mmCIF file of all heavy atoms, coordinates in Angstrom:
data_MODEL
# 
_entry.id   MODEL 
# 
loop_
_atom_site.group_PDB 
_atom_site.id 
_atom_site.type_symbol 
_atom_site.label_atom_id 
_atom_site.label_alt_id 
_atom_site.label_comp_id 
_atom_site.label_asym_id 
_atom_site.label_entity_id 
_atom_site.label_seq_id 
_atom_site.pdbx_PDB_ins_code 
_atom_site.Cartn_x 
_atom_site.Cartn_y 
_atom_site.Cartn_z 
_atom_site.occupancy 
_atom_site.B_iso_or_equiv 
_atom_site.pdbx_formal_charge 
_atom_site.auth_seq_id 
_atom_site.auth_comp_id 
_atom_site.auth_asym_id 
_atom_site.auth_atom_id 
_atom_site.pdbx_PDB_model_num 
ATOM 1   N N   . ALA A 1 1  ? 0.833  -1.216  0.000   1.00 0.00 ? 1  ALA A N   1 
ATOM 2   C CA  . ALA A 1 1  ? 0.000  0.000   0.000   1.00 0.00 ? 1  ALA A CA  1 
ATOM 3   C C   . ALA A 1 1  ? 0.861  1.257   0.000   1.00 0.00 ? 1  ALA A C   1 
ATOM 4   O O   . ALA A 1 1  ? 0.566  2.228   -0.724  1.00 0.00 ? 1  ALA A O   1 
ATOM 5   C CB  . ALA A 1 1  ? -0.927 -0.017  1.215   1.00 0.00 ? 1  ALA A CB  1 
ATOM 6   N N   . VAL A 1 2  ? 1.934  1.261   0.785   1.00 0.00 ? 2  VAL A N   1 
ATOM 7   C CA  . VAL A 1 2  ? 2.815  2.437   0.837   1.00 0.00 ? 2  VAL A CA  1 
ATOM 8   C C   . VAL A 1 2  ? 3.583  2.582   -0.477  1.00 0.00 ? 2  VAL A C   1 
ATOM 9   O O   . VAL A 1 2  ? 3.769  3.701   -0.988  1.00 0.00 ? 2  VAL A O   1 
ATOM 10  C CB  . VAL A 1 2  ? 3.773  2.323   2.035   1.00 0.00 ? 2  VAL A CB  1 
ATOM 11  C CG1 . VAL A 1 2  ? 4.769  3.482   2.046   1.00 0.00 ? 2  VAL A CG1 1 
ATOM 12  C CG2 . VAL A 1 2  ? 2.988  2.300   3.346   1.00 0.00 ? 2  VAL A CG2 1 
ATOM 13  N N   . LEU A 1 3  ? 4.022  1.464   -1.053  1.00 0.00 ? 3  LEU A N   1 
ATOM 14  C CA  . LEU A 1 3  ? 4.733  1.524   -2.336  1.00 0.00 ? 3  LEU A CA  1 
ATOM 15  C C   . LEU A 1 3  ? 3.844  2.020   -3.462  1.00 0.00 ? 3  LEU A C   1 
ATOM 16  O O   . LEU A 1 3  ? 4.315  2.687   -4.394  1.00 0.00 ? 3  LEU A O   1 
ATOM 17  C CB  . LEU A 1 3  ? 5.285  0.138   -2.675  1.00 0.00 ? 3  LEU A CB  1 
ATOM 18  C CG  . LEU A 1 3  ? 6.545  -0.288  -1.925  1.00 0.00 ? 3  LEU A CG  1 
ATOM 19  C CD1 . LEU A 1 3  ? 6.787  -1.776  -2.097  1.00 0.00 ? 3  LEU A CD1 1 
ATOM 20  C CD2 . LEU A 1 3  ? 7.758  0.512   -2.396  1.00 0.00 ? 3  LEU A CD2 1 
ATOM 21  N N   . ALA A 1 4  ? 2.564  1.675   -3.408  1.00 0.00 ? 4  ALA A N   1 
ATOM 22  C CA  . ALA A 1 4  ? 1.641  2.157   -4.439  1.00 0.00 ? 4  ALA A CA  1 
ATOM 23  C C   . ALA A 1 4  ? 1.631  3.685   -4.471  1.00 0.00 ? 4  ALA A C   1 
ATOM 24  O O   . ALA A 1 4  ? 1.598  4.303   -5.553  1.00 0.00 ? 4  ALA A O   1 
ATOM 25  C CB  . ALA A 1 4  ? 0.237  1.614   -4.178  1.00 0.00 ? 4  ALA A CB  1 
ATOM 26  N N   . GLU A 1 5  ? 1.706  4.292   -3.293  1.00 0.00 ? 5  GLU A N   1 
ATOM 27  C CA  . GLU A 1 5  ? 1.756  5.748   -3.245  1.00 0.00 ? 5  GLU A CA  1 
ATOM 28  C C   . GLU A 1 5  ? 3.097  6.264   -3.754  1.00 0.00 ? 5  GLU A C   1 
ATOM 29  O O   . GLU A 1 5  ? 3.157  7.271   -4.489  1.00 0.00 ? 5  GLU A O   1 
ATOM 30  C CB  . GLU A 1 5  ? 1.511  6.225   -1.803  1.00 0.00 ? 5  GLU A CB  1 
ATOM 31  C CG  . GLU A 1 5  ? 1.536  7.731   -1.606  1.00 0.00 ? 5  GLU A CG  1 
ATOM 32  C CD  . GLU A 1 5  ? 0.442  8.467   -2.383  1.00 0.00 ? 5  GLU A CD  1 
ATOM 33  O OE1 . GLU A 1 5  ? -0.492 7.808   -2.896  1.00 0.00 ? 5  GLU A OE1 1 
ATOM 34  O OE2 . GLU A 1 5  ? 0.534  9.708   -2.491  1.00 0.00 ? 5  GLU A OE2 1 
ATOM 35  N N   . ALA A 1 6  ? 4.193  5.598   -3.424  1.00 0.00 ? 6  ALA A N   1 
ATOM 36  C CA  . ALA A 1 6  ? 5.507  6.009   -3.920  1.00 0.00 ? 6  ALA A CA  1 
ATOM 37  C C   . ALA A 1 6  ? 5.553  5.973   -5.443  1.00 0.00 ? 6  ALA A C   1 
ATOM 38  O O   . ALA A 1 6  ? 6.092  6.884   -6.085  1.00 0.00 ? 6  ALA A O   1 
ATOM 39  C CB  . ALA A 1 6  ? 6.589  5.093   -3.335  1.00 0.00 ? 6  ALA A CB  1 
ATOM 40  N N   . LEU A 1 7  ? 4.956  4.914   -6.041  1.00 0.00 ? 7  LEU A N   1 
ATOM 41  C CA  . LEU A 1 7  ? 4.974  4.792   -7.500  1.00 0.00 ? 7  LEU A CA  1 
ATOM 42  C C   . LEU A 1 7  ? 3.984  5.737   -8.162  1.00 0.00 ? 7  LEU A C   1 
ATOM 43  O O   . LEU A 1 7  ? 4.167  6.116   -9.322  1.00 0.00 ? 7  LEU A O   1 
ATOM 44  C CB  . LEU A 1 7  ? 4.685  3.333   -7.880  1.00 0.00 ? 7  LEU A CB  1 
ATOM 45  C CG  . LEU A 1 7  ? 5.799  2.350   -7.499  1.00 0.00 ? 7  LEU A CG  1 
ATOM 46  C CD1 . LEU A 1 7  ? 5.361  0.909   -7.722  1.00 0.00 ? 7  LEU A CD1 1 
ATOM 47  C CD2 . LEU A 1 7  ? 7.071  2.643   -8.280  1.00 0.00 ? 7  LEU A CD2 1 
ATOM 48  N N   . ARG A 1 8  ? 2.941  6.123   -7.449  1.00 0.00 ? 8  ARG A N   1 
ATOM 49  C CA  . ARG A 1 8  ? 2.043  7.156   -7.990  1.00 0.00 ? 8  ARG A CA  1 
ATOM 50  C C   . ARG A 1 8  ? 2.793  8.481   -8.084  1.00 0.00 ? 8  ARG A C   1 
ATOM 51  O O   . ARG A 1 8  ? 2.662  9.228   -9.067  1.00 0.00 ? 8  ARG A O   1 
ATOM 52  C CB  . ARG A 1 8  ? 0.818  7.317   -7.090  1.00 0.00 ? 8  ARG A CB  1 
ATOM 53  C CG  . ARG A 1 8  ? -0.223 8.320   -7.619  1.00 0.00 ? 8  ARG A CG  1 
ATOM 54  C CD  . ARG A 1 8  ? -1.278 8.641   -6.590  1.00 0.00 ? 8  ARG A CD  1 
ATOM 55  N NE  . ARG A 1 8  ? -0.762 9.407   -5.471  1.00 0.00 ? 8  ARG A NE  1 
ATOM 56  C CZ  . ARG A 1 8  ? -0.518 10.717  -5.509  1.00 0.00 ? 8  ARG A CZ  1 
ATOM 57  N NH1 . ARG A 1 8  ? -0.730 11.406  -6.628  1.00 0.00 ? 8  ARG A NH1 1 
ATOM 58  N NH2 . ARG A 1 8  ? -0.066 11.344  -4.444  1.00 0.00 ? 8  ARG A NH2 1 
ATOM 59  N N   . LEU A 1 9  ? 3.601  8.768   -7.064  1.00 0.00 ? 9  LEU A N   1 
ATOM 60  C CA  . LEU A 1 9  ? 4.356  10.018  -7.053  1.00 0.00 ? 9  LEU A CA  1 
ATOM 61  C C   . LEU A 1 9  ? 5.515  9.982   -8.047  1.00 0.00 ? 9  LEU A C   1 
ATOM 62  O O   . LEU A 1 9  ? 5.878  11.002  -8.632  1.00 0.00 ? 9  LEU A O   1 
ATOM 63  C CB  . LEU A 1 9  ? 4.906  10.258  -5.642  1.00 0.00 ? 9  LEU A CB  1 
ATOM 64  C CG  . LEU A 1 9  ? 3.859  10.537  -4.553  1.00 0.00 ? 9  LEU A CG  1 
ATOM 65  C CD1 . LEU A 1 9  ? 4.488  10.437  -3.165  1.00 0.00 ? 9  LEU A CD1 1 
ATOM 66  C CD2 . LEU A 1 9  ? 3.237  11.914  -4.757  1.00 0.00 ? 9  LEU A CD2 1 
ATOM 67  N N   . ARG A 1 10 ? 6.116  8.770   -8.212  1.00 0.00 ? 10 ARG A N   1 
ATOM 68  C CA  . ARG A 1 10 ? 7.264  8.650   -9.119  1.00 0.00 ? 10 ARG A CA  1 
ATOM 69  C C   . ARG A 1 10 ? 7.125  7.353   -9.921  1.00 0.00 ? 10 ARG A C   1 
ATOM 70  O O   . ARG A 1 10 ? 7.669  6.314   -9.549  1.00 0.00 ? 10 ARG A O   1 
ATOM 71  C CB  . ARG A 1 10 ? 8.572  8.651   -8.335  1.00 0.00 ? 10 ARG A CB  1 
ATOM 72  C CG  . ARG A 1 10 ? 9.808  8.852   -9.234  1.00 0.00 ? 10 ARG A CG  1 
ATOM 73  C CD  . ARG A 1 10 ? 11.103 8.569   -8.496  1.00 0.00 ? 10 ARG A CD  1 
ATOM 74  N NE  . ARG A 1 10 ? 11.284 9.332   -7.293  1.00 0.00 ? 10 ARG A NE  1 
ATOM 75  C CZ  . ARG A 1 10 ? 12.277 9.147   -6.422  1.00 0.00 ? 10 ARG A CZ  1 
ATOM 76  N NH1 . ARG A 1 10 ? 13.175 8.188   -6.647  1.00 0.00 ? 10 ARG A NH1 1 
ATOM 77  N NH2 . ARG A 1 10 ? 12.373 9.873   -5.330  1.00 0.00 ? 10 ARG A NH2 1 
ATOM 78  N N   . PRO A 1 11 ? 6.413  7.382   -11.041 1.00 0.00 ? 11 PRO A N   1 
ATOM 79  C CA  . PRO A 1 11 ? 6.146  6.146   -11.805 1.00 0.00 ? 11 PRO A CA  1 
ATOM 80  C C   . PRO A 1 11 ? 7.402  5.440   -12.306 1.00 0.00 ? 11 PRO A C   1 
ATOM 81  O O   . PRO A 1 11 ? 7.394  4.221   -12.480 1.00 0.00 ? 11 PRO A O   1 
ATOM 82  C CB  . PRO A 1 11 ? 5.291  6.645   -12.972 1.00 0.00 ? 11 PRO A CB  1 
ATOM 83  C CG  . PRO A 1 11 ? 4.672  7.909   -12.478 1.00 0.00 ? 11 PRO A CG  1 
ATOM 84  C CD  . PRO A 1 11 ? 5.696  8.540   -11.590 1.00 0.00 ? 11 PRO A CD  1 
ATOM 85  N N   . ALA A 1 12 ? 8.479  6.189   -12.524 1.00 0.00 ? 12 ALA A N   1 
ATOM 86  C CA  . ALA A 1 12 ? 9.712  5.581   -13.039 1.00 0.00 ? 12 ALA A CA  1 
ATOM 87  C C   . ALA A 1 12 ? 10.693 5.258   -11.913 1.00 0.00 ? 12 ALA A C   1 
ATOM 88  O O   . ALA A 1 12 ? 11.910 5.304   -12.108 1.00 0.00 ? 12 ALA A O   1 
ATOM 89  C CB  . ALA A 1 12 ? 10.374 6.514   -14.055 1.00 0.00 ? 12 ALA A CB  1 
ATOM 90  N N   . PHE A 1 13 ? 10.172 4.902   -10.747 1.00 0.00 ? 13 PHE A N   1 
ATOM 91  C CA  . PHE A 1 13 ? 10.973 4.621   -9.563  1.00 0.00 ? 13 PHE A CA  1 
ATOM 92  C C   . PHE A 1 13 ? 11.415 3.150   -9.612  1.00 0.00 ? 13 PHE A C   1 
ATOM 93  O O   . PHE A 1 13 ? 10.683 2.236   -9.240  1.00 0.00 ? 13 PHE A O   1 
ATOM 94  C CB  . PHE A 1 13 ? 10.124 4.900   -8.320  1.00 0.00 ? 13 PHE A CB  1 
ATOM 95  C CG  . PHE A 1 13 ? 10.889 5.006   -7.027  1.00 0.00 ? 13 PHE A CG  1 
ATOM 96  C CD1 . PHE A 1 13 ? 10.247 5.421   -5.874  1.00 0.00 ? 13 PHE A CD1 1 
ATOM 97  C CD2 . PHE A 1 13 ? 12.249 4.715   -6.947  1.00 0.00 ? 13 PHE A CD2 1 
ATOM 98  C CE1 . PHE A 1 13 ? 10.919 5.532   -4.665  1.00 0.00 ? 13 PHE A CE1 1 
ATOM 99  C CE2 . PHE A 1 13 ? 12.936 4.827   -5.749  1.00 0.00 ? 13 PHE A CE2 1 
ATOM 100 C CZ  . PHE A 1 13 ? 12.262 5.242   -4.606  1.00 0.00 ? 13 PHE A CZ  1 
ATOM 101 N N   . VAL A 1 14 ? 12.647 2.913   -10.087 1.00 0.00 ? 14 VAL A N   1 
ATOM 102 C CA  . VAL A 1 14 ? 13.126 1.550   -10.311 1.00 0.00 ? 14 VAL A CA  1 
ATOM 103 C C   . VAL A 1 14 ? 13.148 0.752   -9.006  1.00 0.00 ? 14 VAL A C   1 
ATOM 104 O O   . VAL A 1 14 ? 12.662 -0.384  -8.944  1.00 0.00 ? 14 VAL A O   1 
ATOM 105 C CB  . VAL A 1 14 ? 14.530 1.569   -10.953 1.00 0.00 ? 14 VAL A CB  1 
ATOM 106 C CG1 . VAL A 1 14 ? 15.095 0.150   -11.040 1.00 0.00 ? 14 VAL A CG1 1 
ATOM 107 C CG2 . VAL A 1 14 ? 14.462 2.202   -12.342 1.00 0.00 ? 14 VAL A CG2 1 
ATOM 108 N N   . LEU A 1 15 ? 13.727 1.323   -7.961  1.00 0.00 ? 15 LEU A N   1 
ATOM 109 C CA  . LEU A 1 15 ? 13.784 0.614   -6.687  1.00 0.00 ? 15 LEU A CA  1 
ATOM 110 C C   . LEU A 1 15 ? 12.387 0.339   -6.134  1.00 0.00 ? 15 LEU A C   1 
ATOM 111 O O   . LEU A 1 15 ? 12.137 -0.699  -5.513  1.00 0.00 ? 15 LEU A O   1 
ATOM 112 C CB  . LEU A 1 15 ? 14.589 1.421   -5.663  1.00 0.00 ? 15 LEU A CB  1 
ATOM 113 C CG  . LEU A 1 15 ? 16.086 1.526   -5.913  1.00 0.00 ? 15 LEU A CG  1 
ATOM 114 C CD1 . LEU A 1 15 ? 16.761 2.402   -4.853  1.00 0.00 ? 15 LEU A CD1 1 
ATOM 115 C CD2 . LEU A 1 15 ? 16.732 0.143   -5.930  1.00 0.00 ? 15 LEU A CD2 1 
ATOM 116 N N   . GLY A 1 16 ? 11.458 1.264   -6.387  1.00 0.00 ? 16 GLY A N   1 
ATOM 117 C CA  . GLY A 1 16 ? 10.081 1.068   -5.938  1.00 0.00 ? 16 GLY A CA  1 
ATOM 118 C C   . GLY A 1 16 ? 9.426  -0.109  -6.634  1.00 0.00 ? 16 GLY A C   1 
ATOM 119 O O   . GLY A 1 16 ? 8.757  -0.930  -5.996  1.00 0.00 ? 16 GLY A O   1 
ATOM 120 N N   . HIS A 1 17 ? 9.606  -0.226  -7.944  1.00 0.00 ? 17 HIS A N   1 
ATOM 121 C CA  . HIS A 1 17 ? 9.057  -1.376  -8.689  1.00 0.00 ? 17 HIS A CA  1 
ATOM 122 C C   . HIS A 1 17 ? 9.699  -2.680  -8.210  1.00 0.00 ? 17 HIS A C   1 
ATOM 123 O O   . HIS A 1 17 ? 9.028  -3.711  -8.107  1.00 0.00 ? 17 HIS A O   1 
ATOM 124 C CB  . HIS A 1 17 ? 9.291  -1.189  -10.180 1.00 0.00 ? 17 HIS A CB  1 
ATOM 125 C CG  . HIS A 1 17 ? 8.380  -0.182  -10.815 1.00 0.00 ? 17 HIS A CG  1 
ATOM 126 N ND1 . HIS A 1 17 ? 7.016  -0.380  -10.938 1.00 0.00 ? 17 HIS A ND1 1 
ATOM 127 C CD2 . HIS A 1 17 ? 8.641  1.039   -11.362 1.00 0.00 ? 17 HIS A CD2 1 
ATOM 128 C CE1 . HIS A 1 17 ? 6.468  0.673   -11.540 1.00 0.00 ? 17 HIS A CE1 1 
ATOM 129 N NE2 . HIS A 1 17 ? 7.439  1.554   -11.801 1.00 0.00 ? 17 HIS A NE2 1 
ATOM 130 N N   . ASN A 1 18 ? 10.997 -2.614  -7.933  1.00 0.00 ? 18 ASN A N   1 
ATOM 131 C CA  . ASN A 1 18 ? 11.715 -3.803  -7.490  1.00 0.00 ? 18 ASN A CA  1 
ATOM 132 C C   . ASN A 1 18 ? 11.178 -4.312  -6.150  1.00 0.00 ? 18 ASN A C   1 
ATOM 133 O O   . ASN A 1 18 ? 10.874 -5.505  -5.989  1.00 0.00 ? 18 ASN A O   1 
ATOM 134 C CB  . ASN A 1 18 ? 13.205 -3.469  -7.373  1.00 0.00 ? 18 ASN A CB  1 
ATOM 135 C CG  . ASN A 1 18 ? 14.066 -4.696  -7.213  1.00 0.00 ? 18 ASN A CG  1 
ATOM 136 O OD1 . ASN A 1 18 ? 13.786 -5.736  -7.793  1.00 0.00 ? 18 ASN A OD1 1 
ATOM 137 N ND2 . ASN A 1 18 ? 15.109 -4.573  -6.423  1.00 0.00 ? 18 ASN A ND2 1 
ATOM 138 N N   . LEU A 1 19 ? 11.042 -3.407  -5.181  1.00 0.00 ? 19 LEU A N   1 
ATOM 139 C CA  . LEU A 1 19 ? 10.534 -3.801  -3.870  1.00 0.00 ? 19 LEU A CA  1 
ATOM 140 C C   . LEU A 1 19 ? 9.069  -4.224  -3.947  1.00 0.00 ? 19 LEU A C   1 
ATOM 141 O O   . LEU A 1 19 ? 8.642  -5.168  -3.266  1.00 0.00 ? 19 LEU A O   1 
ATOM 142 C CB  . LEU A 1 19 ? 10.707 -2.660  -2.873  1.00 0.00 ? 19 LEU A CB  1 
ATOM 143 C CG  . LEU A 1 19 ? 10.277 -2.960  -1.429  1.00 0.00 ? 19 LEU A CG  1 
ATOM 144 C CD1 . LEU A 1 19 ? 11.024 -4.163  -0.867  1.00 0.00 ? 19 LEU A CD1 1 
ATOM 145 C CD2 . LEU A 1 19 ? 10.512 -1.731  -0.532  1.00 0.00 ? 19 LEU A CD2 1 
ATOM 146 N N   . MET A 1 20 ? 8.303  -3.541  -4.802  1.00 0.00 ? 20 MET A N   1 
ATOM 147 C CA  . MET A 1 20 ? 6.899  -3.924  -4.981  1.00 0.00 ? 20 MET A CA  1 
ATOM 148 C C   . MET A 1 20 ? 6.811  -5.362  -5.487  1.00 0.00 ? 20 MET A C   1 
ATOM 149 O O   . MET A 1 20 ? 5.954  -6.143  -5.036  1.00 0.00 ? 20 MET A O   1 
ATOM 150 C CB  . MET A 1 20 ? 6.216  -2.976  -5.976  1.00 0.00 ? 20 MET A CB  1 
ATOM 151 C CG  . MET A 1 20 ? 4.743  -3.302  -6.225  1.00 0.00 ? 20 MET A CG  1 
ATOM 152 S SD  . MET A 1 20 ? 3.677  -2.973  -4.812  1.00 0.00 ? 20 MET A SD  1 
ATOM 153 C CE  . MET A 1 20 ? 3.071  -1.334  -5.254  1.00 0.00 ? 20 MET A CE  1 
ATOM 154 N N   . ALA A 1 21 ? 7.694  -5.740  -6.385  1.00 0.00 ? 21 ALA A N   1 
ATOM 155 C CA  . ALA A 1 21 ? 7.689  -7.111  -6.912  1.00 0.00 ? 21 ALA A CA  1 
ATOM 156 C C   . ALA A 1 21 ? 7.960  -8.121  -5.795  1.00 0.00 ? 21 ALA A C   1 
ATOM 157 O O   . ALA A 1 21 ? 7.306  -9.167  -5.714  1.00 0.00 ? 21 ALA A O   1 
ATOM 158 C CB  . ALA A 1 21 ? 8.737  -7.250  -8.020  1.00 0.00 ? 21 ALA A CB  1 
ATOM 159 N N   . ILE A 1 22 ? 8.920  -7.810  -4.939  1.00 0.00 ? 22 ILE A N   1 
ATOM 160 C CA  . ILE A 1 22 ? 9.242  -8.733  -3.836  1.00 0.00 ? 22 ILE A CA  1 
ATOM 161 C C   . ILE A 1 22 ? 8.050  -8.886  -2.903  1.00 0.00 ? 22 ILE A C   1 
ATOM 162 O O   . ILE A 1 22 ? 7.663  -10.006 -2.533  1.00 0.00 ? 22 ILE A O   1 
ATOM 163 C CB  . ILE A 1 22 ? 10.465 -8.226  -3.057  1.00 0.00 ? 22 ILE A CB  1 
ATOM 164 C CG1 . ILE A 1 22 ? 11.697 -8.170  -3.953  1.00 0.00 ? 22 ILE A CG1 1 
ATOM 165 C CG2 . ILE A 1 22 ? 10.739 -9.113  -1.852  1.00 0.00 ? 22 ILE A CG2 1 
ATOM 166 C CD1 . ILE A 1 22 ? 12.881 -7.476  -3.318  1.00 0.00 ? 22 ILE A CD1 1 
ATOM 167 N N   . ALA A 1 23 ? 7.453  -7.750  -2.524  1.00 0.00 ? 23 ALA A N   1 
ATOM 168 C CA  . ALA A 1 23 ? 6.328  -7.793  -1.583  1.00 0.00 ? 23 ALA A CA  1 
ATOM 169 C C   . ALA A 1 23 ? 5.135  -8.524  -2.186  1.00 0.00 ? 23 ALA A C   1 
ATOM 170 O O   . ALA A 1 23 ? 4.476  -9.334  -1.511  1.00 0.00 ? 23 ALA A O   1 
ATOM 171 C CB  . ALA A 1 23 ? 5.947  -6.375  -1.175  1.00 0.00 ? 23 ALA A CB  1 
ATOM 172 N N   . LEU A 1 24 ? 4.838  -8.271  -3.450  1.00 0.00 ? 24 LEU A N   1 
ATOM 173 C CA  . LEU A 1 24 ? 3.704  -8.945  -4.100  1.00 0.00 ? 24 LEU A CA  1 
ATOM 174 C C   . LEU A 1 24 ? 3.948  -10.442 -4.231  1.00 0.00 ? 24 LEU A C   1 
ATOM 175 O O   . LEU A 1 24 ? 3.018  -11.246 -4.079  1.00 0.00 ? 24 LEU A O   1 
ATOM 176 C CB  . LEU A 1 24 ? 3.457  -8.322  -5.479  1.00 0.00 ? 24 LEU A CB  1 
ATOM 177 C CG  . LEU A 1 24 ? 2.807  -6.937  -5.481  1.00 0.00 ? 24 LEU A CG  1 
ATOM 178 C CD1 . LEU A 1 24 ? 2.880  -6.332  -6.886  1.00 0.00 ? 24 LEU A CD1 1 
ATOM 179 C CD2 . LEU A 1 24 ? 1.354  -7.003  -5.010  1.00 0.00 ? 24 LEU A CD2 1 
ATOM 180 N N   . SER A 1 25 ? 5.192  -10.819 -4.509  1.00 0.00 ? 25 SER A N   1 
ATOM 181 C CA  . SER A 1 25 ? 5.477  -12.252 -4.628  1.00 0.00 ? 25 SER A CA  1 
ATOM 182 C C   . SER A 1 25 ? 5.251  -12.955 -3.300  1.00 0.00 ? 25 SER A C   1 
ATOM 183 O O   . SER A 1 25 ? 4.777  -14.096 -3.256  1.00 0.00 ? 25 SER A O   1 
ATOM 184 C CB  . SER A 1 25 ? 6.915  -12.472 -5.117  1.00 0.00 ? 25 SER A CB  1 
ATOM 185 O OG  . SER A 1 25 ? 7.856  -12.113 -4.121  1.00 0.00 ? 25 SER A OG  1 
ATOM 186 N N   . GLU A 1 26 ? 5.586  -12.288 -2.208  1.00 0.00 ? 26 GLU A N   1 
ATOM 187 C CA  . GLU A 1 26 ? 5.368  -12.886 -0.887  1.00 0.00 ? 26 GLU A CA  1 
ATOM 188 C C   . GLU A 1 26 ? 3.885  -12.997 -0.551  1.00 0.00 ? 26 GLU A C   1 
ATOM 189 O O   . GLU A 1 26 ? 3.493  -13.840 0.273   1.00 0.00 ? 26 GLU A O   1 
ATOM 190 C CB  . GLU A 1 26 ? 6.111  -12.075 0.176   1.00 0.00 ? 26 GLU A CB  1 
ATOM 191 C CG  . GLU A 1 26 ? 7.623  -12.220 0.055   1.00 0.00 ? 26 GLU A CG  1 
ATOM 192 C CD  . GLU A 1 26 ? 8.391  -11.269 0.942   1.00 0.00 ? 26 GLU A CD  1 
ATOM 193 O OE1 . GLU A 1 26 ? 7.743  -10.400 1.581   1.00 0.00 ? 26 GLU A OE1 1 
ATOM 194 O OE2 . GLU A 1 26 ? 9.622  -11.397 1.005   1.00 0.00 ? 26 GLU A OE2 1 
ATOM 195 N N   . LEU A 1 27 ? 3.072  -12.169 -1.175  1.00 0.00 ? 27 LEU A N   1 
ATOM 196 C CA  . LEU A 1 27 ? 1.632  -12.247 -0.971  1.00 0.00 ? 27 LEU A CA  1 
ATOM 197 C C   . LEU A 1 27 ? 0.968  -13.208 -1.954  1.00 0.00 ? 27 LEU A C   1 
ATOM 198 O O   . LEU A 1 27 ? -0.253 -13.368 -1.935  1.00 0.00 ? 27 LEU A O   1 
ATOM 199 C CB  . LEU A 1 27 ? 1.008  -10.850 -1.115  1.00 0.00 ? 27 LEU A CB  1 
ATOM 200 C CG  . LEU A 1 27 ? 1.443  -9.830  -0.051  1.00 0.00 ? 27 LEU A CG  1 
ATOM 201 C CD1 . LEU A 1 27 ? 0.919  -8.446  -0.398  1.00 0.00 ? 27 LEU A CD1 1 
ATOM 202 C CD2 . LEU A 1 27 ? 0.961  -10.246 1.336   1.00 0.00 ? 27 LEU A CD2 1 
ATOM 203 N N   . GLY A 1 28 ? 1.768  -13.817 -2.829  1.00 0.00 ? 28 GLY A N   1 
ATOM 204 C CA  . GLY A 1 28 ? 1.250  -14.825 -3.745  1.00 0.00 ? 28 GLY A CA  1 
ATOM 205 C C   . GLY A 1 28 ? 0.788  -14.288 -5.082  1.00 0.00 ? 28 GLY A C   1 
ATOM 206 O O   . GLY A 1 28 ? 0.263  -15.043 -5.903  1.00 0.00 ? 28 GLY A O   1 
ATOM 207 N N   . ASP A 1 29 ? 0.974  -12.999 -5.344  1.00 0.00 ? 29 ASP A N   1 
ATOM 208 C CA  . ASP A 1 29 ? 0.523  -12.412 -6.618  1.00 0.00 ? 29 ASP A CA  1 
ATOM 209 C C   . ASP A 1 29 ? 1.700  -12.397 -7.596  1.00 0.00 ? 29 ASP A C   1 
ATOM 210 O O   . ASP A 1 29 ? 2.321  -11.364 -7.851  1.00 0.00 ? 29 ASP A O   1 
ATOM 211 C CB  . ASP A 1 29 ? -0.014 -11.000 -6.379  1.00 0.00 ? 29 ASP A CB  1 
ATOM 212 C CG  . ASP A 1 29 ? -0.797 -10.463 -7.570  1.00 0.00 ? 29 ASP A CG  1 
ATOM 213 O OD1 . ASP A 1 29 ? -0.661 -11.044 -8.675  1.00 0.00 ? 29 ASP A OD1 1 
ATOM 214 O OD2 . ASP A 1 29 ? -1.536 -9.485  -7.406  1.00 0.00 ? 29 ASP A OD2 1 
# 
């Protein structure tokens, strides 16, 4: 949820996309 806001503010945030991928994978998505 917090990363979604970070990526809304900065869509080209590479580290944000990377961490979002890790967190989503742990949630099974």
